[in-house]
PDB file of N, CA and C in Angstrom:
ATOM      1  N   MET A   1      -8.905  -5.678  19.858  1.00  0.00           N
ATOM      2  CA  MET A   1      -8.273  -6.573  18.821  1.00  0.00           C
ATOM      3  C   MET A   1      -8.705  -5.097  17.643  1.00  0.00           C
ATOM      4  N   VAL A   2      -7.836  -5.283  16.773  1.00  0.00           N
ATOM      5  CA  VAL A   2      -7.587  -4.354  15.647  1.00  0.00           C
ATOM      6  C   VAL A   2      -7.914  -4.822  14.253  1.00  0.00           C
ATOM      7  N   SER A   3      -8.489  -4.093  13.247  1.00  0.00           N
ATOM      8  CA  SER A   3      -8.931  -4.635  12.174  1.00  0.00           C
ATOM      9  C   SER A   3      -7.725  -4.607  11.030  1.00  0.00           C
ATOM     10  N   TYR A   4      -7.721  -5.409  10.355  1.00  0.00           N
ATOM     11  CA  TYR A   4      -6.454  -5.610   9.097  1.00  0.00           C
ATOM     12  C   TYR A   4      -6.718  -5.702   7.879  1.00  0.00           C
ATOM     13  N   TYR A   5      -6.130  -4.984   6.923  1.00  0.00           N
ATOM     14  CA  TYR A   5      -6.364  -5.158   5.606  1.00  0.00           C
ATOM     15  C   TYR A   5      -5.109  -5.332   4.675  1.00  0.00           C
ATOM     16  N   VAL A   6      -5.311  -6.042   3.320  1.00  0.00           N
ATOM     17  CA  VAL A   6      -4.239  -6.161   2.647  1.00  0.00           C
ATOM     18  C   VAL A   6      -4.771  -5.662   1.317  1.00  0.00           C
ATOM     19  N   SER A   7      -3.446  -5.173   0.765  1.00  0.00           N
ATOM     20  CA  SER A   7      -3.619  -4.366  -0.542  1.00  0.00           C
ATOM     21  C   SER A   7      -3.689  -5.455  -1.909  1.00  0.00           C
ATOM     22  N   THR A   8      -4.685  -5.199  -2.648  1.00  0.00           N
ATOM     23  CA  THR A   8      -4.902  -6.373  -3.886  1.00  0.00           C
ATOM     24  C   THR A   8      -3.698  -6.159  -4.944  1.00  0.00           C
ATOM     25  N   GLN A   9      -3.185  -4.617  -4.739  1.00  0.00           N
ATOM     26  CA  GLN A   9      -2.251  -4.268  -5.932  1.00  0.00           C
ATOM     27  C   GLN A   9      -0.862  -4.373  -5.191  1.00  0.00           C
ATOM     28  N   PRO A  10      -0.021  -5.079  -6.001  1.00  0.00           N
ATOM     29  CA  PRO A  10       1.357  -5.506  -5.377  1.00  0.00           C
ATOM     30  C   PRO A  10       2.039  -4.089  -5.368  1.00  0.00           C
ATOM     31  N   GLN A  11       2.990  -3.732  -4.466  1.00  0.00           N
ATOM     32  CA  GLN A  11       4.230  -2.830  -4.637  1.00  0.00           C
ATOM     33  C   GLN A  11       4.993  -3.111  -5.567  1.00  0.00           C
ATOM     34  N   PRO A  12       5.993  -2.056  -6.354  1.00  0.00           N
ATOM     35  CA  PRO A  12       6.886  -2.567  -7.170  1.00  0.00           C
ATOM     36  C   PRO A  12       7.887  -3.727  -6.732  1.00  0.00           C
ATOM     37  N   ASN A  13       8.021  -4.009  -5.821  1.00  0.00           N
ATOM     38  CA  ASN A  13       8.779  -5.441  -5.410  1.00  0.00           C
ATOM     39  C   ASN A  13       8.151  -6.666  -5.360  1.00  0.00           C
ATOM     40  N   GLY A  14       6.937  -6.438  -5.641  1.00  0.00           N
ATOM     41  CA  GLY A  14       5.852  -7.537  -5.681  1.00  0.00           C
ATOM     42  C   GLY A  14       5.304  -7.809  -4.247  1.00  0.00           C
ATOM     43  N   GLU A  15       5.312  -7.094  -3.298  1.00  0.00           N
ATOM     44  CA  GLU A  15       4.593  -7.423  -1.958  1.00  0.00           C
ATOM     45  C   GLU A  15       3.410  -6.583  -2.049  1.00  0.00           C
ATOM     46  N   HIS A  16       2.339  -7.610  -1.216  1.00  0.00           N
ATOM     47  CA  HIS A  16       1.151  -6.969  -0.988  1.00  0.00           C
ATOM     48  C   HIS A  16       1.198  -6.426   0.692  1.00  0.00           C
ATOM     49  N   ALA A  17       1.047  -5.170   0.884  1.00  0.00           N
ATOM     50  CA  ALA A  17       1.390  -4.488   2.034  1.00  0.00           C
ATOM     51  C   ALA A  17      -0.159  -4.805   2.797  1.00  0.00           C
ATOM     52  N   VAL A  18       0.393  -5.108   4.239  1.00  0.00           N
ATOM     53  CA  VAL A  18      -0.941  -5.236   5.067  1.00  0.00           C
ATOM     54  C   VAL A  18      -1.045  -3.936   6.138  1.00  0.00           C
ATOM     55  N   HIS A  19      -1.991  -3.605   6.229  1.00  0.00           N
ATOM     56  CA  HIS A  19      -2.429  -2.329   6.966  1.00  0.00           C
ATOM     57  C   HIS A  19      -3.328  -2.482   8.180  1.00  0.00           C
ATOM     58  N   ARG A  20      -3.303  -1.974   9.236  1.00  0.00           N
ATOM     59  CA  ARG A  20      -4.070  -1.533  10.153  1.00  0.00           C
ATOM     60  C   ARG A  20      -4.940  -0.557   9.623  1.00  0.00           C
ATOM     61  N   SER A  21      -6.347  -0.626  10.314  1.00  0.00           N
ATOM     62  CA  SER A  21      -7.606   0.319  10.313  1.00  0.00           C
ATOM     63  C   SER A  21      -7.046   1.564  10.401  1.00  0.00           C
ATOM     64  N   GLY A  22      -7.243   2.684   9.821  1.00  0.00           N
ATOM     65  CA  GLY A  22      -7.141   3.976  10.021  1.00  0.00           C
ATOM     66  C   GLY A  22      -5.299   4.104   9.405  1.00  0.00           C
ATOM     67  N   CYS A  23      -4.808   3.304   8.541  1.00  0.00           N
ATOM     68  CA  CYS A  23      -3.319   3.698   8.046  1.00  0.00           C
ATOM     69  C   CYS A  23      -3.622   4.785   7.354  1.00  0.00           C
ATOM     70  N   GLU A  24      -2.833   5.825   7.099  1.00  0.00           N
ATOM     71  CA  GLU A  24      -3.123   6.822   6.171  1.00  0.00           C
ATOM     72  C   GLU A  24      -2.459   6.375   4.668  1.00  0.00           C
ATOM     73  N   GLN A  25      -2.097   5.085   4.650  1.00  0.00           N
ATOM     74  CA  GLN A  25      -1.664   4.360   3.299  1.00  0.00           C
ATOM     75  C   GLN A  25      -2.519   3.212   2.746  1.00  0.00           C
ATOM     76  N   LEU A  26      -3.553   3.143   3.832  1.00  0.00           N
ATOM     77  CA  LEU A  26      -4.582   2.109   3.470  1.00  0.00           C
ATOM     78  C   LEU A  26      -5.348   2.625   2.165  1.00  0.00           C
ATOM     79  N   PRO A  27      -5.262   1.295   1.124  1.00  0.00           N
ATOM     80  CA  PRO A  27      -5.833   1.678  -0.367  1.00  0.00           C
ATOM     81  C   PRO A  27      -7.203   1.808   0.122  1.00  0.00           C
ATOM     82  N   ASP A  28      -7.927   2.394  -1.071  1.00  0.00           N
ATOM     83  CA  ASP A  28      -9.493   2.717  -0.950  1.00  0.00           C
ATOM     84  C   ASP A  28      -9.966   1.218  -1.213  1.00  0.00           C
ATOM     85  N   GLU A  29     -11.346   1.113  -0.902  1.00  0.00           N
ATOM     86  CA  GLU A  29     -12.103   0.086  -0.674  1.00  0.00           C
ATOM     87  C   GLU A  29     -12.029  -1.143  -2.009  1.00  0.00           C
ATOM     88  N   PRO A  30     -12.050  -0.630  -3.200  1.00  0.00           N
ATOM     89  CA  PRO A  30     -12.043  -1.682  -4.124  1.00  0.00           C
ATOM     90  C   PRO A  30     -10.457  -2.271  -4.227  1.00  0.00           C
ATOM     91  N   TYR A  31      -9.215  -1.652  -3.692  1.00  0.00           N
ATOM     92  CA  TYR A  31      -7.888  -2.287  -3.664  1.00  0.00           C
ATOM     93  C   TYR A  31      -7.514  -2.861  -2.545  1.00  0.00           C
ATOM     94  N   ARG A  32      -8.604  -3.534  -1.725  1.00  0.00           N
ATOM     95  CA  ARG A  32      -7.824  -3.960  -0.532  1.00  0.00           C
ATOM     96  C   ARG A  32      -8.814  -5.165   0.108  1.00  0.00           C
ATOM     97  N   VAL A  33      -8.461  -6.163   0.731  1.00  0.00           N
ATOM     98  CA  VAL A  33      -9.294  -7.191   1.024  1.00  0.00           C
ATOM     99  C   VAL A  33      -9.161  -7.171   2.714  1.00  0.00           C
ATOM    100  N   PHE A  34     -10.400  -7.322   3.540  1.00  0.00           N
ATOM    101  CA  PHE A  34     -10.348  -7.029   5.050  1.00  0.00           C
ATOM    102  C   PHE A  34      -9.901  -8.641   5.313  1.00  0.00           C
ATOM    103  N   LEU A  35      -9.094  -8.527   6.231  1.00  0.00           N
ATOM    104  CA  LEU A  35      -8.585  -9.706   6.798  1.00  0.00           C
ATOM    105  C   LEU A  35      -9.124 -10.302   8.095  1.00  0.00           C
ATOM    106  N   GLY A  36      -9.521  -9.325   8.803  1.00  0.00           N
ATOM    107  CA  GLY A  36     -10.235  -9.684  10.169  1.00  0.00           C
ATOM    108  C   GLY A  36      -9.651  -8.766  11.057  1.00  0.00           C
ATOM    109  N   ALA A  37      -9.994  -9.245  12.194  1.00  0.00           N
ATOM    110  CA  ALA A  37      -9.431  -8.800  13.415  1.00  0.00           C
ATOM    111  C   ALA A  37      -8.656  -9.680  14.091  1.00  0.00           C
ATOM    112  N   PHE A  38      -7.489  -9.157  14.647  1.00  0.00           N
ATOM    113  CA  PHE A  38      -6.392  -9.948  15.236  1.00  0.00           C
ATOM    114  C   PHE A  38      -5.642  -9.042  16.429  1.00  0.00           C
ATOM    115  N   THR A  39      -5.384  -9.954  17.253  1.00  0.00           N
ATOM    116  CA  THR A  39      -4.554  -9.438  18.533  1.00  0.00           C
ATOM    117  C   THR A  39      -3.360  -8.709  18.274  1.00  0.00           C
ATOM    118  N   ASP A  40      -2.582  -9.175  17.192  1.00  0.00           N
ATOM    119  CA  ASP A  40      -1.340  -8.611  16.764  1.00  0.00           C
ATOM    120  C   ASP A  40      -1.053  -8.656  15.163  1.00  0.00           C
ATOM    121  N   CYS A  41      -0.231  -7.950  14.645  1.00  0.00           N
ATOM    122  CA  CYS A  41       0.010  -7.783  13.306  1.00  0.00           C
ATOM    123  C   CYS A  41       0.713  -9.103  12.574  1.00  0.00           C
ATOM    124  N   HIS A  42       1.437  -9.906  13.468  1.00  0.00           N
ATOM    125  CA  HIS A  42       1.726 -11.078  13.037  1.00  0.00           C
ATOM    126  C   HIS A  42       0.859 -12.190  12.580  1.00  0.00           C
ATOM    127  N   GLU A  43      -0.158 -12.234  13.454  1.00  0.00           N
ATOM    128  CA  GLU A  43      -1.362 -13.115  12.769  1.00  0.00           C
ATOM    129  C   GLU A  43      -2.279 -12.510  11.542  1.00  0.00           C
ATOM    130  N   ALA A  44      -1.943 -11.022  11.749  1.00  0.00           N
ATOM    131  CA  ALA A  44      -2.905 -10.473  10.253  1.00  0.00           C
ATOM    132  C   ALA A  44      -1.823 -10.894   8.949  1.00  0.00           C
ATOM    133  N   VAL A  45      -0.493 -10.345   9.236  1.00  0.00           N
ATOM    134  CA  VAL A  45       0.381 -10.692   8.080  1.00  0.00           C
ATOM    135  C   VAL A  45       0.156 -12.252   7.632  1.00  0.00           C
ATOM    136  N   LEU A  46       0.437 -13.378   8.512  1.00  0.00           N
ATOM    137  CA  LEU A  46       0.124 -14.827   8.282  1.00  0.00           C
ATOM    138  C   LEU A  46      -1.498 -15.057   7.380  1.00  0.00           C
ATOM    139  N   SER A  47      -2.566 -14.434   7.766  1.00  0.00           N
ATOM    140  CA  SER A  47      -3.618 -14.453   7.131  1.00  0.00           C
ATOM    141  C   SER A  47      -3.452 -13.951   5.767  1.00  0.00           C
ATOM    142  N   ALA A  48      -2.970 -12.966   5.707  1.00  0.00           N
ATOM    143  CA  ALA A  48      -2.519 -12.237   4.214  1.00  0.00           C
ATOM    144  C   ALA A  48      -1.942 -13.018   3.596  1.00  0.00           C
ATOM    145  N   LYS A  49      -0.950 -13.817   3.827  1.00  0.00           N
ATOM    146  CA  LYS A  49      -0.150 -14.851   3.122  1.00  0.00           C
ATOM    147  C   LYS A  49      -0.801 -15.941   2.298  1.00  0.00           C
ATOM    148  N   ARG A  50      -2.342 -16.133   3.066  1.00  0.00           N
ATOM    149  CA  ARG A  50      -2.998 -16.985   2.175  1.00  0.00           C
ATOM    150  C   ARG A  50      -3.683 -16.507   1.055  1.00  0.00           C
ATOM    151  N   HIS A  51      -3.664 -15.405   0.850  1.00  0.00           N
ATOM    152  CA  HIS A  51      -4.378 -14.892  -0.280  1.00  0.00           C
ATOM    153  C   HIS A  51      -3.093 -14.481  -1.244  1.00  0.00           C
ATOM    154  N   PHE A  52      -1.975 -13.538  -0.588  1.00  0.00           N
ATOM    155  CA  PHE A  52      -0.914 -13.228  -1.311  1.00  0.00           C
ATOM    156  C   PHE A  52       0.315 -13.836  -0.600  1.00  0.00           C
ATOM    157  N   PRO A  53       0.997 -14.694  -1.348  1.00  0.00           N
ATOM    158  CA  PRO A  53       2.299 -15.300  -0.444  1.00  0.00           C
ATOM    159  C   PRO A  53       3.300 -14.300  -0.216  1.00  0.00           C
ATOM    160  N   TYR A  54       3.503 -12.968  -0.874  1.00  0.00           N
ATOM    161  CA  TYR A  54       4.561 -12.136  -0.775  1.00  0.00           C
ATOM    162  C   TYR A  54       3.757 -10.980  -0.109  1.00  0.00           C
ATOM    163  N   ALA A  55       3.144 -11.197   1.216  1.00  0.00           N
ATOM    164  CA  ALA A  55       2.398 -10.020   1.982  1.00  0.00           C
ATOM    165  C   ALA A  55       3.529 -10.001   3.126  1.00  0.00           C
ATOM    166  N   ASN A  56       3.446  -8.529   3.314  1.00  0.00           N
ATOM    167  CA  ASN A  56       4.282  -7.954   4.166  1.00  0.00           C
ATOM    168  C   ASN A  56       3.591  -6.620   4.951  1.00  0.00           C
ATOM    169  N   GLY A  57       4.124  -6.377   6.252  1.00  0.00           N
ATOM    170  CA  GLY A  57       3.538  -5.463   6.926  1.00  0.00           C
ATOM    171  C   GLY A  57       3.741  -4.101   6.306  1.00  0.00           C
ATOM    172  N   CYS A  58       2.955  -2.914   6.277  1.00  0.00           N
ATOM    173  CA  CYS A  58       3.153  -1.660   5.902  1.00  0.00           C
ATOM    174  C   CYS A  58       4.275  -0.986   6.762  1.00  0.00           C
ATOM    175  N   THR A  59       5.122  -0.230   6.090  1.00  0.00           N
ATOM    176  CA  THR A  59       6.163   0.294   6.478  1.00  0.00           C
ATOM    177  C   THR A  59       5.976   1.535   7.496  1.00  0.00           C
ATOM    178  N   ARG A  60       4.573   1.986   7.639  1.00  0.00           N
ATOM    179  CA  ARG A  60       4.188   3.213   8.171  1.00  0.00           C
ATOM    180  C   ARG A  60       3.476   2.563   9.495  1.00  0.00           C
ATOM    181  N   CYS A  61       2.472   1.739   9.299  1.00  0.00           N
ATOM    182  CA  CYS A  61       1.434   1.386  10.394  1.00  0.00           C
ATOM    183  C   CYS A  61       1.959  -0.183  11.135  1.00  0.00           C
ATOM    184  N   LEU A  62       2.539  -0.682  10.435  1.00  0.00           N
ATOM    185  CA  LEU A  62       3.172  -2.077  10.947  1.00  0.00           C
ATOM    186  C   LEU A  62       4.667  -2.143  10.885  1.00  0.00           C
ATOM    187  N   GLN A  63       5.388  -1.454  11.249  1.00  0.00           N
ATOM    188  CA  GLN A  63       6.926  -1.487  11.119  1.00  0.00           C
ATOM    189  C   GLN A  63       7.273  -2.594  12.035  1.00  0.00           C
ATOM    190  N   GLU A  64       6.639  -3.003  13.063  1.00  0.00           N
ATOM    191  CA  GLU A  64       7.095  -4.278  13.816  1.00  0.00           C
ATOM    192  C   GLU A  64       6.733  -5.483  13.100  1.00  0.00           C
ATOM    193  N   CYS A  65       6.174  -5.425  11.983  1.00  0.00           N
ATOM    194  CA  CYS A  65       5.730  -6.752  11.140  1.00  0.00           C
ATOM    195  C   CYS A  65       6.300  -6.756   9.850  1.00  0.00           C
ATOM    196  N   HIS A  66       7.179  -5.609   9.497  1.00  0.00           N
ATOM    197  CA  HIS A  66       7.870  -5.388   8.312  1.00  0.00           C
ATOM    198  C   HIS A  66       8.998  -5.859   8.200  1.00  0.00           C
ATOM    199  N   THR A  67       9.311  -7.094   7.467  1.00  0.00           N
ATOM    200  CA  THR A  67      10.437  -7.642   7.204  1.00  0.00           C
ATOM    201  C   THR A  67      11.056  -6.986   5.993  1.00  0.00           C
ATOM    202  N   GLY A  68      12.215  -6.418   5.924  1.00  0.00           N
ATOM    203  CA  GLY A  68      12.743  -5.861   4.750  1.00  0.00           C
ATOM    204  C   GLY A  68      14.109  -5.764   4.469  1.00  0.00           C
TER     205      GLY A  68
END
């Protein structure tokens, strides 16, 4: 399982990006929420939507979960 995080700061389009641990675009500690460890990114994005309804997968580390 992989650890996932969601950014607390929205992007210009209003979305909060979900990142995999180790992503080069993962925000620093005060600007992210740990979502947990999941078997796939789809579960992580669903979890992030509980915090931020407009969550979306990162275009770098979660292209398979980015809807765009």
